[in-house]
Every structure is written in structure tokens, then in C-alpha cells.
Amino acid sequence: MTEHRTRRAVRRTAAATAAAVLSALTALPASAAGPAAPETPRSDHGQHGQHGRHARGTLLSATPLLDRTPARLTELLAANGVDASAVRHGVTAHRLVYATVAPGGEPTTASALLVLPVGGGERLATVSETHGTTAYRGHVPSTGENFSALAALLYASGGRAVVAPDYLGLGSGPGTHPYVDTRSSVSASLDALRAARAAAPRHGKRLTDEVYVTGFSQGGQVAMALGRELARGADPSFRPRALAPVAGPYDIEGVELPAMFDGRIDGASAVFYLSYFLVAQNRLHPLYDDPREVFRAPYADRVEDLFDNDHRDEEIAGRLPDTVEELLTAEWYERLRRPDGTLAEVVRLNDGVCAWAPRVPVRLHASDGDRDVPIANARHCAEDLVEHGSRATVVNHGDADHFGAYTAAIAHNARWFAHLDRR
């Protein structure tokens, strides 16, 4: 196997791991086992429908998904290589559908996973857990089929509420996902917190204003941006307690894009991320008129259809090339190496998430062995925070790959959050 073929196998392994997580949780309701249709709002929240004029964060429906004992959770986490020593409680999990806004500001709906501890008191701090890249709407937290469900279950078992948004266009949300549109990912994540605040009392819980903000990969970048908005007072009902993102692409222009061309990011991974980014961003900004301007044959004729959020990640990867050189036309190969014009504006619009000064503890998880999001992202983020008068600890998980960094980091975070709970 070539290195790129190996990386594609890793992507398929990630999908298989998600399926294993689902299996270990035992059978979920049929509606949670794949791409879910938008749910009908409950009568106690009005009947305005999917695009009704509800206030942002209005809870439209809540569907129970599962409940697990501490022993079952410990078994599940151990089977996936996660230290389960922080497990204290059983949990219940629920799919929320709520009102939010699309990138253009028009009303829409989105879904999220809410996980609550069984026991552990009535008033709970909250963990916002934002998930990593997926192009398939069924591989998100609220379906129970996403790898990041591990983090949500682990954090909740320590005695906190966990809110894991699906983002726009994934899960039960309509349309397509605006991948790496930081602003809409943050607004959807903030509105998920609001919906969870409304849902929790139905289960005998109330959310305090404290939010532990974390997330993995794409979600690490979203977590830093969400923490910034909470610190600015976007909703006085919530304030950041700590920031602990994992392997986030915080510096797209300075690290992530260059690494796709200099070998630090594996070729097949770079192809997947670049294709997804360009297709999704072109739906929001005029990057190209015809995919043949950007993508070589035969990929130009299939790439936009592949990223409709109805294709599984492994299927997409199997129909794309192994290298960026095979994917891109000569013109766009050079443009992405040195972004200019609208492309540069789009990149910078979604960069800079570390250009602020958190007043809470910050730990940035990364690893030397990560071939998807190089550790330089975390180091540049820490430098940005210092320049703005704050500081952060970079937690290096050594030779771990992208997913290995995640499993190590969530166990670390669970112990750290427990320590902070006692302060």
C-alpha cells in the first residue's frame, strides 16, 4: 500500500469505528440509525414548520435516544481506546431540533445531541462539544453514529450536560453543510446551547452559565470561535469556563493550506478537505463558475454531487484521487498555494479564531503524528493568544495520529474538567 492508500484506509477505518460505536450502544430507534428527516415541531412550541419565524434557539422537538449505565459506558470507552477513569454516572441522550439561522440570516432548523448525567445534582455546568469534519449528514452526534459521541458520553458521565451540535445541513437540518463557514457554525452551536437550556428542565436538570468549550478537528476551530463569542457576551446566560479544543485548523492560511502542498498533510486527506471546502464555499461565495475551472477530469463532473451531504465519507474518498496534483487544474493548484482575490478573502474570513484574549484556562490538544491537522496550528494559536494578552498550554500527544489525538485528549479533558469543577 502507498502512503496515500494507507490514509484512505484510515478514513474508512474512522467510518467503521463510528459504526462500531453505534453497535456498542446497542440498537437505537430506527430514526437515529441513519440520515434523519426533519422532525415535526411539538405543539407546545408552535406549528410554524421547518422555516417558521421562531426565535433563535427555540426548542422545536426533543427525542430520547438512549440511556446507559456507568458500566456500559466504561465498556464502550475502553473498547474504543479511551481511558474511562473519569466515568461517574450513567447518562441519557436526546436529539434536539431547534430554530437557528442560515449563513444569509434566513430562518432554518438544525439538530444537536444533548447528553445528561443520571444523578449528579440538578444544576449542571455544560460542555459544548463541536464535531470534526464529515460530509455525510448521518455521521453526526444526534444520530449516535459519529465518533465524537464518545466525547459527549464521557463528559456527561462526569456530571455535566453536554451539547453536541450537528451544524447546519447535517443531521436533521435541511440543505447542505456550509463547511468551514465559521460564522454559521458558531451561530448554530450557540443556538444549540439555548435549545438545551430549554430541554434540560424536562429531565429535572437546569444549566448553569458555565460552559466548557471543546471540539475536535473542524470542531476545534469552531470551539475557539464559539468561546470568543461567549466571552464577548453573545448570550449572557452562558460564559466560558475553560477552552480545550482538539487538533483544530486554527491557521488555515499560514499552516493548513501550505501543509496540503508540502507533504505534512497526507495527500488523500488534503484532497478530501480541499474538495469539500471549495464546493461548500462556492455555494456561499463566487469562487468559480464551472467546476472544470478548478478540478481536473473526471473529478470535475462528480465532485459537487459527491459533497451533497448524502454520500458517506468513504464513498467520497473512493471516487477522488490520492493527490492534490491529480485533483486540481494547474491554475487552481497555484491559486491555492498563494490565495488571492475572493479565495484569499474567504480564507481570511474563516481564520483568526485565536486572535483574542480568553480570561479562562486554555489547553490546545495536538500531536506531532497528526497528518490531517499539523501541530503548528496549535502552536500558532498559542502565539496569537499570547500576543493578545492571554496564554495557553499546548498538550502534545506525541506520535498519535489525528484520531489518536482525539481519544487521548478527551480522556485528558474529562479529568481536567473534573479538577476545574472542584475549584
Protein backbone atom coordinates (compact mmCIF):
# COMPACT_ATOMS: atom_id res chain seq x y z
CA MET A 1 0.00 0.00 0.00
CA THR A 2 1.20 3.50 -0.77
CA GLU A 3 1.11 6.11 1.97
CA HIS A 4 -1.92 7.78 0.37
CA ARG A 5 -3.74 4.47 0.08
CA THR A 6 -2.97 3.87 3.74
CA ARG A 7 -4.50 7.23 4.63
CA ARG A 8 -7.62 6.40 2.68
CA ALA A 9 -7.83 3.18 4.66
CA VAL A 10 -7.62 5.24 7.83
CA ARG A 11 -10.56 7.35 6.65
CA ARG A 12 -12.54 4.17 6.06
CA THR A 13 -11.45 2.88 9.46
CA ALA A 14 -12.85 6.03 11.05
CA ALA A 15 -16.21 5.33 9.45
CA ALA A 16 -16.03 1.74 10.64
CA THR A 17 -15.21 2.94 14.15
CA ALA A 18 -18.32 5.11 14.10
CA ALA A 19 -20.37 2.07 13.17
CA ALA A 20 -18.72 0.13 15.99
CA VAL A 21 -19.67 2.88 18.42
CA LEU A 22 -23.26 2.63 17.26
CA SER A 23 -23.22 -1.13 17.65
CA ALA A 24 -21.74 -0.91 21.14
CA LEU A 25 -24.50 1.45 22.18
CA THR A 26 -26.94 -1.29 21.06
CA ALA A 27 -29.90 -0.61 18.82
CA LEU A 28 -31.09 2.98 18.67
CA PRO A 29 -34.51 3.93 17.36
CA ALA A 30 -34.73 3.46 13.60
CA SER A 31 -34.91 7.23 13.12
CA ALA A 32 -31.47 7.58 14.71
CA ALA A 33 -29.69 4.96 12.67
CA GLY A 34 -29.17 6.98 9.51
CA PRO A 35 -29.90 10.34 7.92
CA ALA A 36 -32.89 11.62 9.82
CA ALA A 37 -35.74 13.57 8.30
CA PRO A 38 -36.55 16.96 9.84
CA GLU A 39 -38.80 16.39 12.81
CA THR A 40 -42.25 17.87 13.26
CA PRO A 41 -42.25 20.58 15.96
CA ARG A 42 -44.15 19.70 19.11
CA SER A 43 -47.40 21.52 19.71
CA ASP A 44 -46.13 23.24 22.85
CA HIS A 45 -43.63 25.16 20.72
CA GLY A 46 -45.96 26.18 17.90
CA GLN A 47 -46.54 24.77 14.43
CA HIS A 48 -44.66 27.16 12.18
CA GLY A 49 -42.84 24.33 10.43
CA GLN A 50 -39.27 23.92 9.32
CA HIS A 51 -38.74 27.51 8.19
CA GLY A 52 -41.04 29.24 10.68
CA ARG A 53 -40.13 32.52 12.35
CA HIS A 54 -39.14 31.10 15.69
CA ALA A 55 -36.66 32.97 17.85
CA ARG A 56 -33.12 31.64 17.52
CA GLY A 57 -32.53 28.69 19.82
CA THR A 58 -36.21 27.82 20.20
CA LEU A 59 -36.56 24.13 21.00
CA LEU A 60 -38.81 22.53 18.39
CA SER A 61 -38.60 18.88 19.43
CA ALA A 62 -36.69 16.53 21.70
CA THR A 63 -36.41 12.81 21.02
CA PRO A 64 -34.94 10.31 23.52
CA LEU A 65 -32.16 8.19 22.02
CA LEU A 66 -30.58 6.05 24.74
CA ASP A 67 -29.68 5.60 28.38
CA ARG A 68 -26.56 3.85 29.63
CA THR A 69 -25.16 2.74 32.97
CA PRO A 70 -21.63 3.62 34.11
CA ALA A 71 -20.57 0.03 33.49
CA ARG A 72 -21.83 0.08 29.90
CA LEU A 73 -20.13 3.41 29.25
CA THR A 74 -16.85 2.17 30.67
CA GLU A 75 -17.04 -0.88 28.42
CA LEU A 76 -17.78 1.25 25.35
CA LEU A 77 -14.98 3.73 26.00
CA ALA A 78 -12.42 1.03 26.75
CA ALA A 79 -13.37 -0.78 23.52
CA ASN A 80 -12.50 2.40 21.63
CA GLY A 81 -9.19 3.00 23.39
CA VAL A 82 -10.40 5.77 25.72
CA ASP A 83 -9.41 5.95 29.39
CA ALA A 84 -12.74 5.71 31.24
CA SER A 85 -11.45 6.56 34.72
CA ALA A 86 -13.47 9.80 34.78
CA VAL A 87 -16.83 7.98 34.43
CA ARG A 88 -19.02 8.66 37.46
CA HIS A 89 -22.63 8.48 36.27
CA GLY A 90 -24.88 6.83 33.77
CA VAL A 91 -26.28 9.05 31.02
CA THR A 92 -29.33 9.70 28.89
CA ALA A 93 -29.07 11.10 25.35
CA HIS A 94 -31.61 13.10 23.36
CA ARG A 95 -31.85 14.53 19.86
CA LEU A 96 -32.88 18.20 19.81
CA VAL A 97 -34.25 20.06 16.80
CA TYR A 98 -34.19 23.82 17.14
CA ALA A 99 -34.54 27.10 15.30
CA THR A 100 -31.44 28.87 14.03
CA VAL A 101 -30.30 30.92 11.03
CA ALA A 102 -28.63 30.09 7.73
CA PRO A 103 -25.43 31.84 6.56
CA GLY A 104 -27.52 34.55 4.89
CA GLY A 105 -29.55 35.17 8.05
CA GLU A 106 -32.76 33.49 6.91
CA PRO A 107 -34.51 31.16 9.42
CA THR A 108 -33.78 27.45 9.32
CA THR A 109 -33.53 24.49 11.67
CA ALA A 110 -30.70 22.34 12.96
CA SER A 111 -30.23 19.35 15.25
CA ALA A 112 -27.96 18.54 18.16
CA LEU A 113 -27.26 15.85 20.73
CA LEU A 114 -27.97 16.59 24.39
CA VAL A 115 -26.45 14.16 26.91
CA LEU A 116 -27.35 14.41 30.60
CA PRO A 117 -25.97 12.55 33.61
CA VAL A 118 -28.23 10.29 35.62
CA GLY A 119 -27.88 11.80 39.06
CA GLY A 120 -25.15 14.32 39.78
CA GLY A 121 -27.37 17.11 41.04
CA GLU A 122 -29.96 19.37 39.47
CA ARG A 123 -27.76 22.30 38.39
CA LEU A 124 -25.20 21.38 35.76
CA ALA A 125 -22.33 23.08 34.02
CA THR A 126 -22.36 22.44 30.26
CA VAL A 127 -19.80 21.12 27.81
CA SER A 128 -20.10 22.32 24.22
CA GLU A 129 -18.59 19.54 22.08
CA THR A 130 -18.28 20.50 18.39
CA HIS A 131 -17.56 17.64 16.00
CA GLY A 132 -14.95 17.10 13.32
CA THR A 133 -15.25 17.00 9.53
CA THR A 134 -17.84 14.75 7.97
CA ALA A 135 -19.53 15.11 4.61
CA TYR A 136 -22.33 12.67 5.42
CA ARG A 137 -25.36 14.03 7.24
CA GLY A 138 -25.86 10.73 9.08
CA HIS A 139 -22.42 10.75 10.77
CA VAL A 140 -23.17 13.44 13.33
CA PRO A 141 -23.73 13.44 17.09
CA SER A 142 -27.54 13.44 17.09
CA THR A 143 -27.69 10.19 15.11
CA GLY A 144 -25.48 8.38 17.60
CA GLU A 145 -23.29 7.27 14.69
CA ASN A 146 -20.45 9.76 14.97
CA PHE A 147 -17.06 9.14 16.58
CA SER A 148 -17.46 12.33 18.65
CA ALA A 149 -20.34 10.66 20.53
CA LEU A 150 -17.57 9.18 22.65
CA ALA A 151 -16.61 12.60 23.98
CA ALA A 152 -20.21 13.63 24.64
CA LEU A 153 -20.90 10.45 26.61
CA LEU A 154 -17.64 10.67 28.57
CA TYR A 155 -18.05 14.31 29.56
CA ALA A 156 -21.68 13.84 30.61
CA SER A 157 -20.76 10.81 32.72
CA GLY A 158 -18.63 13.15 34.83
CA GLY A 159 -21.71 15.07 35.92
CA ARG A 160 -22.18 17.74 33.22
CA ALA A 161 -24.67 18.41 30.47
CA VAL A 162 -23.14 18.02 27.01
CA VAL A 163 -24.43 19.77 23.91
CA ALA A 164 -23.03 18.47 20.60
CA PRO A 165 -24.42 20.41 17.62
CA ASP A 166 -24.65 18.81 14.19
CA TYR A 167 -24.10 22.23 12.45
CA LEU A 168 -26.21 23.38 9.51
CA GLY A 169 -27.15 20.96 6.74
CA LEU A 170 -26.20 17.83 8.70
CA GLY A 171 -28.28 15.56 10.90
CA SER A 172 -31.91 16.66 10.71
CA GLY A 173 -31.08 20.06 9.24
CA PRO A 174 -32.21 20.95 5.71
CA GLY A 175 -29.94 21.86 2.81
CA THR A 176 -26.19 21.31 2.56
CA HIS A 177 -23.47 21.95 5.10
CA PRO A 178 -21.53 25.23 4.71
CA TYR A 179 -18.21 23.57 5.54
CA VAL A 180 -15.68 25.84 7.31
CA ASP A 181 -18.14 28.72 7.39
CA THR A 182 -17.10 29.69 10.90
CA ARG A 183 -19.81 32.24 11.48
CA SER A 184 -22.73 29.90 10.82
CA SER A 185 -21.11 27.02 12.70
CA VAL A 186 -20.81 29.30 15.73
CA SER A 187 -24.38 30.59 15.45
CA ALA A 188 -25.73 27.04 15.16
CA SER A 189 -23.64 25.96 18.16
CA LEU A 190 -24.79 28.91 20.27
CA ASP A 191 -28.42 28.24 19.37
CA ALA A 192 -27.94 24.57 20.31
CA LEU A 193 -26.93 25.72 23.81
CA ARG A 194 -30.12 27.78 24.02
CA ALA A 195 -32.24 24.82 22.94
CA ALA A 196 -30.52 22.60 25.51
CA ARG A 197 -31.25 25.15 28.23
CA ALA A 198 -34.96 24.78 27.37
CA ALA A 199 -34.81 20.97 27.15
CA ALA A 200 -32.92 20.22 30.37
CA PRO A 201 -35.76 21.05 32.83
CA ARG A 202 -37.91 18.35 31.20
CA HIS A 203 -35.41 15.90 32.67
CA GLY A 204 -35.06 17.51 36.09
CA LYS A 205 -31.88 19.43 35.22
CA ARG A 206 -31.01 23.11 34.88
CA LEU A 207 -27.97 24.51 33.10
CA THR A 208 -25.77 27.00 34.89
CA ASP A 209 -23.97 29.73 32.94
CA GLU A 210 -20.65 27.83 32.92
CA VAL A 211 -19.63 26.28 29.59
CA TYR A 212 -16.57 24.13 28.96
CA VAL A 213 -15.87 24.74 25.27
CA THR A 214 -14.20 21.97 23.31
CA GLY A 215 -14.35 20.23 19.94
CA PHE A 216 -12.33 18.11 17.55
CA SER A 217 -10.71 18.98 14.21
CA GLN A 218 -13.17 21.25 12.37
CA GLY A 219 -14.88 21.45 15.76
CA GLY A 220 -11.67 22.63 17.41
CA GLN A 221 -11.67 25.68 15.17
CA VAL A 222 -15.38 26.20 15.86
CA ALA A 223 -14.76 25.86 19.61
CA MET A 224 -12.23 28.70 19.65
CA ALA A 225 -14.61 30.95 17.73
CA LEU A 226 -17.58 29.99 19.94
CA GLY A 227 -15.53 30.67 23.07
CA ARG A 228 -14.74 34.12 21.73
CA GLU A 229 -18.42 34.88 21.13
CA LEU A 230 -19.42 33.66 24.58
CA ALA A 231 -16.65 35.78 26.14
CA ARG A 232 -17.99 38.80 24.26
CA GLY A 233 -21.41 38.26 25.83
CA ALA A 234 -23.27 36.82 22.83
CA ASP A 235 -25.73 35.32 25.34
CA PRO A 236 -25.45 36.43 28.99
CA SER A 237 -26.89 33.07 30.05
CA PHE A 238 -23.61 31.41 29.09
CA ARG A 239 -19.97 32.19 29.80
CA PRO A 240 -16.85 30.15 29.06
CA ARG A 241 -15.35 28.21 31.99
CA ALA A 242 -12.43 26.74 30.05
CA LEU A 243 -11.32 26.11 26.46
CA ALA A 244 -9.94 22.72 25.45
CA PRO A 245 -10.14 22.23 21.66
CA VAL A 246 -8.51 19.23 20.00
CA ALA A 247 -6.47 19.29 16.76
CA GLY A 248 -8.19 22.32 15.26
CA PRO A 249 -7.13 24.02 11.97
CA TYR A 250 -6.78 27.44 13.59
CA ASP A 251 -4.43 28.83 10.93
CA ILE A 252 -5.81 27.95 7.51
CA GLU A 253 -3.72 30.42 5.55
CA GLY A 254 -0.46 30.04 7.45
CA VAL A 255 -0.42 26.31 8.22
CA GLU A 256 -3.26 24.19 6.90
CA LEU A 257 -3.20 25.20 3.23
CA PRO A 258 0.62 25.15 2.90
CA ALA A 259 0.73 21.75 4.62
CA MET A 260 -1.53 20.31 1.93
CA PHE A 261 1.17 21.05 -0.63
CA ASP A 262 4.40 20.35 1.28
CA GLY A 263 3.59 16.83 2.49
CA ARG A 264 2.76 17.49 6.14
CA ILE A 265 -0.85 16.57 5.39
CA ASP A 266 -1.43 13.23 3.72
CA GLY A 267 -2.40 13.55 0.07
CA ALA A 268 -5.78 11.76 0.23
CA SER A 269 -6.79 13.76 3.29
CA ALA A 270 -5.78 17.01 1.57
CA VAL A 271 -7.88 16.05 -1.46
CA PHE A 272 -10.94 15.40 0.71
CA TYR A 273 -10.64 18.62 2.73
CA LEU A 274 -9.87 20.85 -0.26
CA SER A 275 -12.69 19.44 -2.38
CA TYR A 276 -15.21 19.83 0.43
CA PHE A 277 -14.02 23.34 1.24
CA LEU A 278 -14.11 24.60 -2.34
CA VAL A 279 -17.52 23.12 -3.16
CA ALA A 280 -19.11 24.34 0.08
CA GLN A 281 -17.58 27.80 -0.06
CA ASN A 282 -18.57 28.25 -3.70
CA ARG A 283 -22.20 27.92 -2.61
CA LEU A 284 -21.62 30.98 -0.40
CA HIS A 285 -19.06 33.00 -2.37
CA PRO A 286 -18.27 33.29 -6.12
CA LEU A 287 -15.08 31.23 -6.28
CA TYR A 288 -15.75 29.63 -9.68
CA ASP A 289 -18.47 29.43 -12.34
CA ASP A 290 -17.79 25.90 -13.55
CA PRO A 291 -16.12 23.08 -11.55
CA ARG A 292 -13.96 22.36 -14.61
CA GLU A 293 -12.11 25.60 -13.86
CA VAL A 294 -10.91 24.08 -10.58
CA PHE A 295 -11.00 20.29 -10.82
CA ARG A 296 -9.43 18.03 -13.43
CA ALA A 297 -11.39 15.39 -15.34
CA PRO A 298 -13.04 13.12 -14.36
CA TYR A 299 -13.45 14.69 -10.92
CA ALA A 300 -14.97 17.95 -12.15
CA ASP A 301 -18.10 16.10 -13.25
CA ARG A 302 -18.68 14.40 -9.90
CA VAL A 303 -17.25 16.50 -7.09
CA GLU A 304 -20.24 18.76 -6.45
CA ASP A 305 -22.63 15.81 -6.38
CA LEU A 306 -20.35 13.90 -4.01
CA PHE A 307 -20.49 16.74 -1.48
CA ASP A 308 -24.30 16.91 -1.31
CA ASN A 309 -24.08 15.53 2.27
CA ASP A 310 -25.93 12.36 1.24
CA HIS A 311 -22.76 10.43 0.34
CA ARG A 312 -20.70 8.69 3.01
CA ASP A 313 -17.13 9.86 3.59
CA GLU A 314 -15.61 6.58 2.49
CA GLU A 315 -17.62 6.60 -0.74
CA ILE A 316 -16.45 10.14 -1.49
CA ALA A 317 -12.83 9.27 -0.77
CA GLY A 318 -13.06 6.27 -3.07
CA ARG A 319 -14.11 8.45 -6.00
CA LEU A 320 -11.44 11.12 -5.58
CA PRO A 321 -7.72 10.91 -6.39
CA ASP A 322 -4.87 10.37 -3.96
CA THR A 323 -3.04 13.65 -4.56
CA VAL A 324 -3.82 17.32 -4.90
CA GLU A 325 -1.91 17.37 -8.21
CA GLU A 326 -4.36 14.86 -9.67
CA LEU A 327 -7.35 16.79 -8.34
CA LEU A 328 -6.69 20.41 -9.31
CA THR A 329 -6.12 22.21 -12.57
CA ALA A 330 -2.73 23.89 -12.88
CA GLU A 331 -4.27 27.33 -12.32
CA TRP A 332 -6.06 26.37 -9.12
CA TYR A 333 -3.10 24.39 -7.85
CA GLU A 334 -1.12 27.63 -7.87
CA ARG A 335 -4.02 29.74 -6.57
CA LEU A 336 -4.41 27.54 -3.51
CA ARG A 337 -0.70 27.69 -2.83
CA ARG A 338 -0.89 31.50 -2.96
CA PRO A 339 -4.51 32.55 -2.40
CA ASP A 340 -5.64 35.82 -3.95
CA GLY A 341 -8.86 37.68 -4.73
CA THR A 342 -12.09 36.16 -3.43
CA LEU A 343 -10.32 32.97 -2.41
CA ALA A 344 -7.99 34.92 -0.10
CA GLU A 345 -10.95 36.80 1.34
CA VAL A 346 -12.80 33.57 2.07
CA VAL A 347 -9.77 32.03 3.77
CA ARG A 348 -9.17 35.10 5.94
CA LEU A 349 -12.86 35.39 6.78
CA ASN A 350 -12.64 31.98 8.44
CA ASP A 351 -9.21 32.45 10.01
CA GLY A 352 -8.15 34.38 13.10
CA VAL A 353 -10.16 32.42 15.66
CA CYS A 354 -7.28 32.68 18.15
CA ALA A 355 -6.86 36.45 17.81
CA TRP A 356 -8.38 37.32 21.20
CA ALA A 357 -7.61 37.07 24.90
CA PRO A 358 -9.51 34.38 26.83
CA ARG A 359 -9.80 35.03 30.57
CA VAL A 360 -10.20 31.35 31.34
CA PRO A 361 -7.79 28.40 31.26
CA VAL A 362 -6.91 27.19 27.75
CA ARG A 363 -5.43 23.86 26.68
CA LEU A 364 -4.82 23.19 23.00
CA HIS A 365 -4.52 19.49 22.20
CA ALA A 366 -2.43 18.38 19.22
CA SER A 367 0.11 15.74 18.23
CA ASP A 368 3.35 15.51 16.29
CA GLY A 369 1.96 12.50 14.42
CA ASP A 370 -1.14 14.25 13.07
CA ARG A 371 -1.17 14.09 9.24
CA ASP A 372 -4.55 15.88 8.97
CA VAL A 373 -4.08 18.96 11.15
CA PRO A 374 -0.38 19.64 11.81
CA ILE A 375 0.63 20.62 15.33
CA ALA A 376 1.82 24.01 14.03
CA ASN A 377 -1.87 25.04 14.08
CA ALA A 378 -1.94 24.74 17.87
CA ARG A 379 1.42 26.45 18.27
CA HIS A 380 0.36 29.39 16.11
CA CYS A 381 -2.89 29.62 18.06
CA ALA A 382 -0.99 29.76 21.35
CA GLU A 383 1.25 32.50 19.92
CA ASP A 384 -1.80 34.51 18.85
CA LEU A 385 -3.28 34.24 22.32
CA VAL A 386 -0.04 35.45 23.89
CA GLU A 387 0.08 38.42 21.51
CA HIS A 388 -3.41 39.38 22.66
CA GLY A 389 -2.55 39.16 26.34
CA SER A 390 -3.59 35.61 27.20
CA ARG A 391 -1.81 32.28 27.28
CA ALA A 392 -2.45 28.63 26.58
CA THR A 393 -0.87 25.25 27.18
CA VAL A 394 -0.22 23.12 24.11
CA VAL A 395 -0.77 19.48 25.07
CA ASN A 396 1.25 17.34 22.65
CA HIS A 397 0.05 13.75 22.35
CA GLY A 398 3.25 12.69 20.62
CA ASP A 399 3.12 10.20 17.75
CA ALA A 400 -0.66 9.81 17.87
CA ASP A 401 -2.43 10.35 14.56
CA HIS A 402 -5.45 12.63 14.16
CA PHE A 403 -7.96 10.23 15.72
CA GLY A 404 -5.48 9.00 18.30
CA ALA A 405 -5.02 12.58 19.48
CA TYR A 406 -8.78 12.80 19.89
CA THR A 407 -9.12 9.69 22.04
CA ALA A 408 -6.19 10.75 24.24
CA ALA A 409 -7.41 14.34 24.52
CA ILE A 410 -10.98 13.61 25.55
CA ALA A 411 -9.77 11.46 28.47
CA HIS A 412 -7.38 14.27 29.45
CA ASN A 413 -10.18 16.83 29.21
CA ALA A 414 -12.56 14.73 31.31
CA ARG A 415 -10.02 14.63 34.14
CA TRP A 416 -9.20 18.33 33.72
CA PHE A 417 -12.85 19.39 33.76
CA ALA A 418 -13.35 17.37 36.96
CA HIS A 419 -10.39 19.22 38.52
CA LEU A 420 -11.81 22.59 37.46
CA ASP A 421 -15.26 21.62 38.80
CA ARG A 422 -13.75 21.44 42.28
CA ARG A 423 -12.15 24.90 42.13
